[in-house]
C-alpha cells in the first residue's frame, strides 16, 4: 500500500482562510444530531401521558419506544451508503423532511398503533440524518496511539482473545 502524500506546508493565503459559513453548517449539523437524540428521550418522558391519552397497553408502549430505534439502527448503514453515493447534503435534507413530517403525523396520532407506525417512519428519517452529521476525521478503528484496531482504552494493550495480527 502506498503512503498518503504529505500536505504542502506552504499553502496560498486564500487556501488557509476558512469559509465564513462553516459555523452555520456546524450549527445545522449539530442541531440535526440533537433532533435524533432528543426524539427518543422525549418519548420516554411522555410514556405515562401516552398510556393515559391513547389507552396504550404495555406492549404498545414498548413498540412506541422501540419502533424508532429498531428502524433507525437497521437502516443506518444502508442510508449512510446511500448518502455517500448520492450526496450527504441531499440525504440530510430528505431525512429532515421525513423526520419533520412524521413528527407532525405523530402529534396527531389517534391511536397507539398509528404512533408506532409514525415512529418507525421517523426512524427512516433519523437514519438519513445521522450519517451527514459531524464525525471524526480518523477511521473508527484508529486510536490516539497511532495503531489500528478497536481497544478497550485509547492506549491500552489489545485483549488476548482477538487475533490482532489480522487487524494491522
Protein backbone atom coordinates (compact mmCIF):
# COMPACT_ATOMS: atom_id res chain seq x y z
CA UNK A 1 0.00 0.00 0.00
CA UNK A 2 1.23 3.46 -0.83
CA UNK A 3 1.60 6.28 1.59
CA UNK A 4 -0.52 9.40 1.56
CA UNK A 5 1.32 12.42 0.14
CA UNK A 6 2.41 14.89 2.77
CA UNK A 7 0.46 18.12 2.94
CA UNK A 8 2.24 21.09 1.47
CA UNK A 9 3.37 23.42 4.29
CA UNK A 10 3.32 26.47 2.02
CA UNK A 11 -0.35 26.97 1.22
CA UNK A 12 -1.60 30.06 -0.51
CA UNK A 13 -3.16 32.60 1.89
CA UNK A 14 -6.61 32.20 0.34
CA UNK A 15 -6.40 28.42 0.86
CA UNK A 16 -5.76 28.92 4.59
CA UNK A 17 -8.80 31.13 5.09
CA UNK A 18 -11.83 29.26 6.37
CA UNK A 19 -15.25 29.57 4.85
CA UNK A 20 -17.29 32.07 6.91
CA UNK A 21 -20.36 29.81 6.64
CA UNK A 22 -18.62 26.96 8.45
CA UNK A 23 -20.22 27.87 11.78
CA UNK A 24 -23.71 27.90 10.28
CA UNK A 25 -23.09 24.49 8.72
CA UNK A 26 -21.78 23.15 12.02
CA UNK A 27 -24.81 24.51 13.89
CA UNK A 28 -27.24 22.90 11.42
CA UNK A 29 -25.49 19.56 11.67
CA UNK A 30 -25.30 19.65 15.47
CA UNK A 31 -28.97 20.59 15.74
CA UNK A 32 -29.81 17.72 13.39
CA UNK A 33 -27.95 15.31 15.64
CA UNK A 34 -29.68 16.82 18.68
CA UNK A 35 -33.03 16.16 16.98
CA UNK A 36 -32.20 12.47 16.70
CA UNK A 37 -31.12 12.16 20.33
CA UNK A 38 -33.97 14.19 21.79
CA UNK A 39 -36.61 12.30 19.83
CA UNK A 40 -36.01 9.13 21.78
CA UNK A 41 -35.64 10.95 25.11
CA UNK A 42 -38.92 12.83 24.77
CA UNK A 43 -40.90 9.67 24.09
CA UNK A 44 -39.54 8.07 27.26
CA UNK A 45 -40.67 11.09 29.25
CA UNK A 46 -44.13 11.04 27.61
CA UNK A 47 -44.92 7.37 28.29
CA UNK A 48 -47.36 8.00 31.18
CA UNK A 49 -49.25 10.58 29.12
CA UNK A 50 -49.34 8.29 26.09
CA UNK A 51 -50.74 5.47 28.19
CA UNK A 52 -53.47 7.68 29.60
CA UNK A 53 -54.43 9.61 26.43
CA UNK A 54 -54.15 6.82 23.86
CA UNK A 55 -55.11 3.94 26.15
CA UNK A 56 -51.95 2.11 25.12
CA UNK A 57 -51.07 -1.28 26.53
CA UNK A 58 -47.64 -2.06 27.92
CA UNK A 59 -46.74 -3.90 24.73
CA UNK A 60 -47.80 -0.95 22.58
CA UNK A 61 -45.79 1.44 24.73
CA UNK A 62 -42.75 -0.77 24.27
CA UNK A 63 -43.26 -0.66 20.49
CA UNK A 64 -43.69 3.12 20.57
CA UNK A 65 -40.25 3.41 22.14
CA UNK A 66 -38.56 0.68 20.14
CA UNK A 67 -40.04 1.19 16.64
CA UNK A 68 -37.87 4.27 16.10
CA UNK A 69 -34.70 2.67 17.46
CA UNK A 70 -35.12 -0.61 15.55
CA UNK A 71 -35.72 1.05 12.19
CA UNK A 72 -33.02 3.64 12.83
CA UNK A 73 -30.39 1.04 13.73
CA UNK A 74 -31.44 -1.33 10.97
CA UNK A 75 -31.17 1.28 8.22
CA UNK A 76 -28.20 3.31 9.46
CA UNK A 77 -25.52 1.59 7.39
CA UNK A 78 -27.71 1.45 4.28
CA UNK A 79 -28.65 5.11 4.50
CA UNK A 80 -25.03 6.05 5.13
CA UNK A 81 -24.04 4.22 1.98
CA UNK A 82 -26.79 5.96 0.02
CA UNK A 83 -25.67 9.29 1.44
CA UNK A 84 -22.10 8.60 0.31
CA UNK A 85 -23.29 7.62 -3.15
CA UNK A 86 -25.83 10.38 -3.81
CA UNK A 87 -24.64 13.16 -1.51
CA UNK A 88 -24.86 13.80 2.21
CA UNK A 89 -26.47 17.19 1.80
CA UNK A 90 -29.44 15.67 -0.03
CA UNK A 91 -29.64 12.82 2.48
CA UNK A 92 -29.69 15.33 5.34
CA UNK A 93 -32.43 17.40 3.69
CA UNK A 94 -34.53 14.32 2.89
CA UNK A 95 -34.02 12.95 6.40
CA UNK A 96 -35.09 16.23 7.99
CA UNK A 97 -38.18 16.34 5.75
CA UNK A 98 -39.14 12.76 6.63
CA UNK A 99 -38.46 13.35 10.33
CA UNK A 100 -40.47 16.60 10.36
CA UNK A 101 -43.48 15.22 8.53
CA UNK A 102 -43.50 12.03 10.62
CA UNK A 103 -43.26 14.14 13.79
CA UNK A 104 -46.28 16.15 12.68
CA UNK A 105 -48.19 12.94 11.98
CA UNK A 106 -47.16 11.62 15.40
CA UNK A 107 -48.58 14.70 17.07
CA UNK A 108 -51.99 13.94 15.58
CA UNK A 109 -51.92 10.16 16.06
CA UNK A 110 -55.28 8.95 17.33
CA UNK A 111 -54.14 5.53 18.50
CA UNK A 112 -51.05 3.81 19.75
CA UNK A 113 -50.79 1.79 16.53
CA UNK A 114 -50.68 4.99 14.44
CA UNK A 115 -47.99 6.33 16.74
CA UNK A 116 -45.93 3.16 16.33
CA UNK A 117 -46.06 3.49 12.52
CA UNK A 118 -45.13 7.18 12.56
CA UNK A 119 -42.26 6.48 14.96
CA UNK A 120 -40.95 3.84 12.55
CA UNK A 121 -41.09 6.42 9.74
CA UNK A 122 -39.17 8.80 11.98
CA UNK A 123 -36.51 6.08 12.27
CA UNK A 124 -36.09 6.19 8.48
CA UNK A 125 -35.57 9.96 8.66
CA UNK A 126 -33.13 9.60 11.54
CA UNK A 127 -31.11 7.01 9.63
CA UNK A 128 -30.78 9.51 6.76
CA UNK A 129 -29.79 12.37 9.08
CA UNK A 130 -27.17 10.58 11.20
CA UNK A 131 -24.51 9.84 8.53
CA UNK A 132 -24.50 13.50 7.46
CA UNK A 133 -23.71 14.85 10.94
CA UNK A 134 -20.19 15.75 12.14
CA UNK A 135 -17.80 12.90 12.77
CA UNK A 136 -14.17 12.31 13.49
CA UNK A 137 -11.71 12.60 10.63
CA UNK A 138 -10.00 9.41 11.68
CA UNK A 139 -11.28 5.95 10.96
CA UNK A 140 -13.42 4.26 13.61
CA UNK A 141 -10.62 1.81 14.36
CA UNK A 142 -7.84 4.34 14.85
CA UNK A 143 -6.70 5.22 18.34
CA UNK A 144 -4.74 8.03 19.88
CA UNK A 145 -1.64 5.84 19.97
CA UNK A 146 -1.46 5.65 16.17
CA UNK A 147 -2.25 1.94 15.98
CA UNK A 148 -5.35 0.48 14.41
CA UNK A 149 -7.92 -1.83 15.90
CA UNK A 150 -10.67 -1.45 18.50
CA UNK A 151 -9.32 -1.16 22.03
CA UNK A 152 -10.81 -1.02 25.49
CA UNK A 153 -8.81 2.17 26.12
CA UNK A 154 -7.04 4.52 23.71
CA UNK A 155 -3.51 3.31 24.55
CA UNK A 156 -4.19 0.05 26.32
CA UNK A 157 -2.96 -3.34 25.22
CA UNK A 158 -5.16 -5.41 22.89
CA UNK A 159 -7.29 -8.08 24.53
CA UNK A 160 -5.67 -11.51 24.28
CA UNK A 161 -8.73 -13.13 22.67
CA UNK A 162 -8.66 -11.10 19.44
CA UNK A 163 -6.32 -12.06 16.55
CA UNK A 164 -4.65 -8.65 16.34
CA UNK A 165 -2.19 -9.60 13.62
CA UNK A 166 -5.06 -9.56 11.14
CA UNK A 167 -6.08 -6.05 12.21
CA UNK A 168 -2.75 -4.42 11.41
